[in-house]
Amino acid sequence: PMASCQSLNVIEAGLRDLMQNSVPFGGKIIILGGDFRQVLPIVRHGSCIAQVNASLKRSSLWALFQKFQLNQNMRVKEDEKKFSKWLLQLGDESLSTVNGEIQLPP
């Protein structure tokens, strides 16, 4: 599961304390990776809204990060590109539906 914004806040405060300054993350470079559409943080007994609100993208620290986007997935083989594209469309909710159902690729 993805780390929650609480985790990021604890790390940020800890680094400021450790480095003895008030610069965000103690002035250290922090690298995060992943696809935020894949996994939400776990919120015990929480609703879907609570899970989204606990995500890193909802943290006040999120604005401090410089975001980079992967242009080419080096791990996807040529024959898997169609399925990879389908998964992205599924995550973006841009697939067409028939009677509210999504057709799985062959």
C-alpha atoms as a PDB file:
ATOM      1  CA  PRO A   1       0.000   0.000   0.000  1.00  0.00           C
ATOM      2  CA  MET A   2       0.962   3.592  -0.486  1.00  0.00           C
ATOM      3  CA  ALA A   3       2.317   5.553   2.447  1.00  0.00           C
ATOM      4  CA  SER A   4      -0.131   8.000   3.969  1.00  0.00           C
ATOM      5  CA  CYS A   5       0.322  11.750   4.206  1.00  0.00           C
ATOM      6  CA  GLN A   6       0.771  11.241   7.964  1.00  0.00           C
ATOM      7  CA  SER A   7       3.873   9.154   7.239  1.00  0.00           C
ATOM      8  CA  LEU A   8       5.251  11.895   5.007  1.00  0.00           C
ATOM      9  CA  ASN A   9       4.603  14.491   7.726  1.00  0.00           C
ATOM     10  CA  VAL A  10       6.461  12.368  10.309  1.00  0.00           C
ATOM     11  CA  ILE A  11       9.446  11.913   7.979  1.00  0.00           C
ATOM     12  CA  GLU A  12       9.487  15.629   7.188  1.00  0.00           C
ATOM     13  CA  ALA A  13       9.388  16.656  10.860  1.00  0.00           C
ATOM     14  CA  GLY A  14      12.006  14.049  11.764  1.00  0.00           C
ATOM     15  CA  LEU A  15      14.426  15.284   9.109  1.00  0.00           C
ATOM     16  CA  ARG A  16      13.958  18.911  10.186  1.00  0.00           C
ATOM     17  CA  ASP A  17      14.681  17.873  13.768  1.00  0.00           C
ATOM     18  CA  LEU A  18      17.652  15.714  12.793  1.00  0.00           C
ATOM     19  CA  MET A  19      19.199  18.417  10.600  1.00  0.00           C
ATOM     20  CA  GLN A  20      18.355  21.097  13.197  1.00  0.00           C
ATOM     21  CA  ASN A  21      16.802  23.536  10.748  1.00  0.00           C
ATOM     22  CA  SER A  22      13.375  24.643   9.599  1.00  0.00           C
ATOM     23  CA  VAL A  23      13.861  23.893   5.895  1.00  0.00           C
ATOM     24  CA  PRO A  24      11.323  21.332   4.614  1.00  0.00           C
ATOM     25  CA  PHE A  25      12.687  17.786   4.986  1.00  0.00           C
ATOM     26  CA  GLY A  26      15.740  19.266   6.678  1.00  0.00           C
ATOM     27  CA  GLY A  27      17.000  20.386   3.276  1.00  0.00           C
ATOM     28  CA  LYS A  28      17.366  16.792   2.076  1.00  0.00           C
ATOM     29  CA  ILE A  29      16.254  15.550  -1.333  1.00  0.00           C
ATOM     30  CA  ILE A  30      13.361  13.097  -1.114  1.00  0.00           C
ATOM     31  CA  ILE A  31      12.484  10.813  -4.023  1.00  0.00           C
ATOM     32  CA  LEU A  32       9.078   9.151  -4.238  1.00  0.00           C
ATOM     33  CA  GLY A  33       8.027   6.740  -6.946  1.00  0.00           C
ATOM     34  CA  GLY A  34       4.937   4.933  -8.059  1.00  0.00           C
ATOM     35  CA  ASP A  35       1.568   5.272  -9.705  1.00  0.00           C
ATOM     36  CA  PHE A  36      -0.924   6.925  -7.377  1.00  0.00           C
ATOM     37  CA  ARG A  37      -3.810   5.383  -9.304  1.00  0.00           C
ATOM     38  CA  GLN A  38      -2.743   1.877  -8.316  1.00  0.00           C
ATOM     39  CA  VAL A  39      -2.911   1.753  -4.529  1.00  0.00           C
ATOM     40  CA  LEU A  40      -4.427   3.984  -1.872  1.00  0.00           C
ATOM     41  CA  PRO A  41      -3.165   4.049   1.716  1.00  0.00           C
ATOM     42  CA  ILE A  42      -4.925   1.805   4.193  1.00  0.00           C
ATOM     43  CA  VAL A  43      -7.259   3.625   6.580  1.00  0.00           C
ATOM     44  CA  ARG A  44      -8.714   1.237   9.133  1.00  0.00           C
ATOM     45  CA  HIS A  45     -12.509   1.413   9.118  1.00  0.00           C
ATOM     46  CA  GLY A  46     -12.228   4.350   6.714  1.00  0.00           C
ATOM     47  CA  SER A  47     -14.365   5.139   3.708  1.00  0.00           C
ATOM     48  CA  CYS A  48     -13.068   5.562   0.168  1.00  0.00           C
ATOM     49  CA  ILE A  49     -13.030   9.310   0.763  1.00  0.00           C
ATOM     50  CA  ALA A  50     -10.904   8.812   3.894  1.00  0.00           C
ATOM     51  CA  GLN A  51      -8.425   6.745   1.870  1.00  0.00           C
ATOM     52  CA  VAL A  52      -8.158   9.406  -0.830  1.00  0.00           C
ATOM     53  CA  ASN A  53      -7.748  12.150   1.785  1.00  0.00           C
ATOM     54  CA  ALA A  54      -4.918  10.166   3.416  1.00  0.00           C
ATOM     55  CA  SER A  55      -2.975   9.918   0.139  1.00  0.00           C
ATOM     56  CA  LEU A  56       0.315  11.738  -0.353  1.00  0.00           C
ATOM     57  CA  LYS A  57      -1.222  13.959  -3.015  1.00  0.00           C
ATOM     58  CA  ARG A  58      -3.518  15.461  -0.357  1.00  0.00           C
ATOM     59  CA  SER A  59      -0.590  16.407   1.898  1.00  0.00           C
ATOM     60  CA  SER A  60       0.290  20.090   2.242  1.00  0.00           C
ATOM     61  CA  LEU A  61       3.871  18.986   1.509  1.00  0.00           C
ATOM     62  CA  TRP A  62       2.906  17.704  -1.966  1.00  0.00           C
ATOM     63  CA  ALA A  63       3.348  21.198  -3.463  1.00  0.00           C
ATOM     64  CA  LEU A  64       7.033  21.141  -2.449  1.00  0.00           C
ATOM     65  CA  PHE A  65       7.804  18.209  -4.754  1.00  0.00           C
ATOM     66  CA  GLN A  66       8.935  18.491  -8.354  1.00  0.00           C
ATOM     67  CA  LYS A  67       6.986  15.931 -10.376  1.00  0.00           C
ATOM     68  CA  PHE A  68       8.428  13.914 -13.245  1.00  0.00           C
ATOM     69  CA  GLN A  69       6.420  11.630 -15.480  1.00  0.00           C
ATOM     70  CA  LEU A  70       7.652   8.452 -17.094  1.00  0.00           C
ATOM     71  CA  ASN A  71       7.589   8.797 -20.885  1.00  0.00           C
ATOM     72  CA  GLN A  72       8.347   5.190 -21.732  1.00  0.00           C
ATOM     73  CA  ASN A  73       7.808   2.136 -19.574  1.00  0.00           C
ATOM     74  CA  MET A  74      11.047   0.200 -20.029  1.00  0.00           C
ATOM     75  CA  ARG A  75       9.629  -2.928 -18.374  1.00  0.00           C
ATOM     76  CA  VAL A  76       6.715  -3.416 -20.748  1.00  0.00           C
ATOM     77  CA  LYS A  77       7.461  -5.773 -23.615  1.00  0.00           C
ATOM     78  CA  GLU A  78       6.287  -4.867 -27.103  1.00  0.00           C
ATOM     79  CA  ASP A  79       3.407  -7.376 -27.062  1.00  0.00           C
ATOM     80  CA  GLU A  80       2.175  -6.102 -23.680  1.00  0.00           C
ATOM     81  CA  LYS A  81       1.842  -2.461 -24.717  1.00  0.00           C
ATOM     82  CA  LYS A  82      -1.828  -2.852 -25.695  1.00  0.00           C
ATOM     83  CA  PHE A  83      -2.697  -4.243 -22.279  1.00  0.00           C
ATOM     84  CA  SER A  84      -0.634  -1.532 -20.588  1.00  0.00           C
ATOM     85  CA  LYS A  85      -2.546   1.136 -22.532  1.00  0.00           C
ATOM     86  CA  TRP A  86      -5.850  -0.545 -21.593  1.00  0.00           C
ATOM     87  CA  LEU A  87      -4.885  -0.487 -17.895  1.00  0.00           C
ATOM     88  CA  LEU A  88      -4.101   3.230 -18.081  1.00  0.00           C
ATOM     89  CA  GLN A  89      -7.461   3.882 -19.741  1.00  0.00           C
ATOM     90  CA  LEU A  90      -9.128   1.841 -17.000  1.00  0.00           C
ATOM     91  CA  GLY A  91      -7.391   3.952 -14.348  1.00  0.00           C
ATOM     92  CA  ASP A  92      -8.400   7.155 -16.143  1.00  0.00           C
ATOM     93  CA  GLU A  93     -11.990   5.876 -16.422  1.00  0.00           C
ATOM     94  CA  SER A  94     -11.904   6.548 -20.173  1.00  0.00           C
ATOM     95  CA  LEU A  95     -12.978   3.073 -21.366  1.00  0.00           C
ATOM     96  CA  SER A  96     -16.359   2.709 -23.015  1.00  0.00           C
ATOM     97  CA  THR A  97     -18.905   0.577 -21.196  1.00  0.00           C
ATOM     98  CA  VAL A  98     -21.863  -1.551 -22.264  1.00  0.00           C
ATOM     99  CA  ASN A  99     -24.670  -1.560 -19.696  1.00  0.00           C
ATOM    100  CA  GLY A 100     -22.183  -0.232 -17.129  1.00  0.00           C
ATOM    101  CA  GLU A 101     -19.733  -3.090 -17.728  1.00  0.00           C
ATOM    102  CA  ILE A 102     -16.182  -2.891 -19.074  1.00  0.00           C
ATOM    103  CA  GLN A 103     -15.060  -5.379 -21.709  1.00  0.00           C
ATOM    104  CA  LEU A 104     -11.796  -7.151 -20.858  1.00  0.00           C
ATOM    105  CA  PRO A 105      -9.204  -7.291 -23.640  1.00  0.00           C
ATOM    106  CA  PRO A 106      -8.568 -10.671 -25.338  1.00  0.00           C
END
